[in-house]
Amino acid sequence: MASSRELFRDTAPACDACGDELQPSSDDDLAHAPVGEGALLWWRDGRLREEKRPLCPPCAAAIGLTALTRWAIEEEGG
């Protein structure tokens, strides 16, 4: 069991893939580094559903490149 206080805790956003906290960088060069965002898509009740999830830059890049590679392989395979 948990109290309602647990529902409203102030926690830093975390990467949905690796769980690392997403914090702004203190370096001037990286201060504007974008935080990635993934979209989960699925069909339910005849409707397309979408849920946005936060990703750290390394996970966003890895997931994006993996998706592009799989798509290219599928296109070549026919």
Protein backbone atom coordinates (compact mmCIF):
# COMPACT_ATOMS: atom_id res chain seq x y z
CA MET A 1 0.00 0.00 0.00
CA ALA A 2 1.05 3.56 -0.62
CA SER A 3 -0.26 6.90 0.49
CA SER A 4 -1.48 9.59 -1.86
CA ARG A 5 1.79 11.40 -1.08
CA GLU A 6 3.57 8.82 -3.26
CA LEU A 7 1.41 9.81 -6.23
CA PHE A 8 2.47 13.42 -6.08
CA ARG A 9 6.20 13.12 -5.40
CA ASP A 10 8.44 15.52 -7.25
CA THR A 11 10.75 13.22 -9.15
CA ALA A 12 13.07 14.07 -11.99
CA PRO A 13 11.94 12.72 -15.34
CA ALA A 14 13.73 9.52 -16.33
CA CYS A 15 14.57 7.85 -19.62
CA ASP A 16 11.94 5.23 -20.40
CA ALA A 17 14.55 2.88 -21.91
CA CYS A 18 17.46 2.94 -19.45
CA GLY A 19 15.97 4.66 -16.40
CA ASP A 20 18.64 7.38 -16.13
CA GLU A 21 17.42 10.73 -14.83
CA LEU A 22 17.00 13.40 -17.49
CA GLN A 23 18.65 16.53 -16.15
CA PRO A 24 19.75 19.62 -18.00
CA SER A 25 23.49 19.77 -18.51
CA SER A 26 25.54 22.39 -16.71
CA ASP A 27 28.01 22.66 -19.61
CA ASP A 28 27.40 25.58 -21.93
CA ASP A 29 28.10 23.42 -24.98
CA LEU A 30 25.54 20.81 -23.97
CA ALA A 31 22.98 23.10 -22.31
CA HIS A 32 20.79 22.99 -25.39
CA ALA A 33 21.14 19.27 -26.07
CA PRO A 34 17.68 17.97 -26.88
CA VAL A 35 16.03 15.34 -24.75
CA GLY A 36 14.71 12.57 -26.95
CA GLU A 37 11.13 11.49 -27.10
CA GLY A 38 9.73 8.18 -28.24
CA ALA A 39 6.22 7.39 -29.35
CA LEU A 40 4.53 4.09 -28.60
CA LEU A 41 1.89 3.35 -31.23
CA TRP A 42 -0.74 0.63 -31.05
CA TRP A 43 -4.25 -0.20 -32.23
CA ARG A 44 -7.05 -0.70 -29.72
CA ASP A 45 -10.81 -0.64 -30.22
CA GLY A 46 -10.28 0.24 -33.89
CA ARG A 47 -8.34 3.40 -33.04
CA LEU A 48 -4.68 4.26 -33.29
CA ARG A 49 -3.30 5.12 -29.84
CA GLU A 50 -0.11 7.06 -29.17
CA GLU A 51 1.83 7.60 -25.97
CA LYS A 52 4.89 9.88 -25.82
CA ARG A 53 7.75 8.71 -23.59
CA PRO A 54 10.94 10.61 -22.61
CA LEU A 55 14.32 9.26 -23.76
CA CYS A 56 17.89 10.32 -23.02
CA PRO A 57 19.87 11.35 -26.13
CA PRO A 58 21.93 8.11 -26.33
CA CYS A 59 18.85 5.89 -26.06
CA ALA A 60 16.90 8.04 -28.54
CA ALA A 61 19.74 7.74 -31.07
CA ALA A 62 20.14 4.00 -30.53
CA ILE A 63 16.42 3.28 -30.86
CA GLY A 64 16.10 5.52 -33.92
CA LEU A 65 19.07 3.97 -35.72
CA THR A 66 17.87 0.45 -34.89
CA ALA A 67 14.44 1.25 -36.33
CA LEU A 68 15.96 2.70 -39.52
CA THR A 69 18.24 -0.31 -39.93
CA ARG A 70 15.37 -2.77 -39.50
CA TRP A 71 13.25 -0.79 -41.95
CA ALA A 72 16.07 -0.84 -44.54
CA ILE A 73 16.56 -4.59 -44.10
CA GLU A 74 12.82 -5.17 -44.52
CA GLU A 75 12.74 -3.04 -47.68
CA GLU A 76 15.63 -5.03 -49.19
CA GLY A 77 13.98 -8.35 -48.33
CA GLY A 78 10.83 -7.44 -50.24
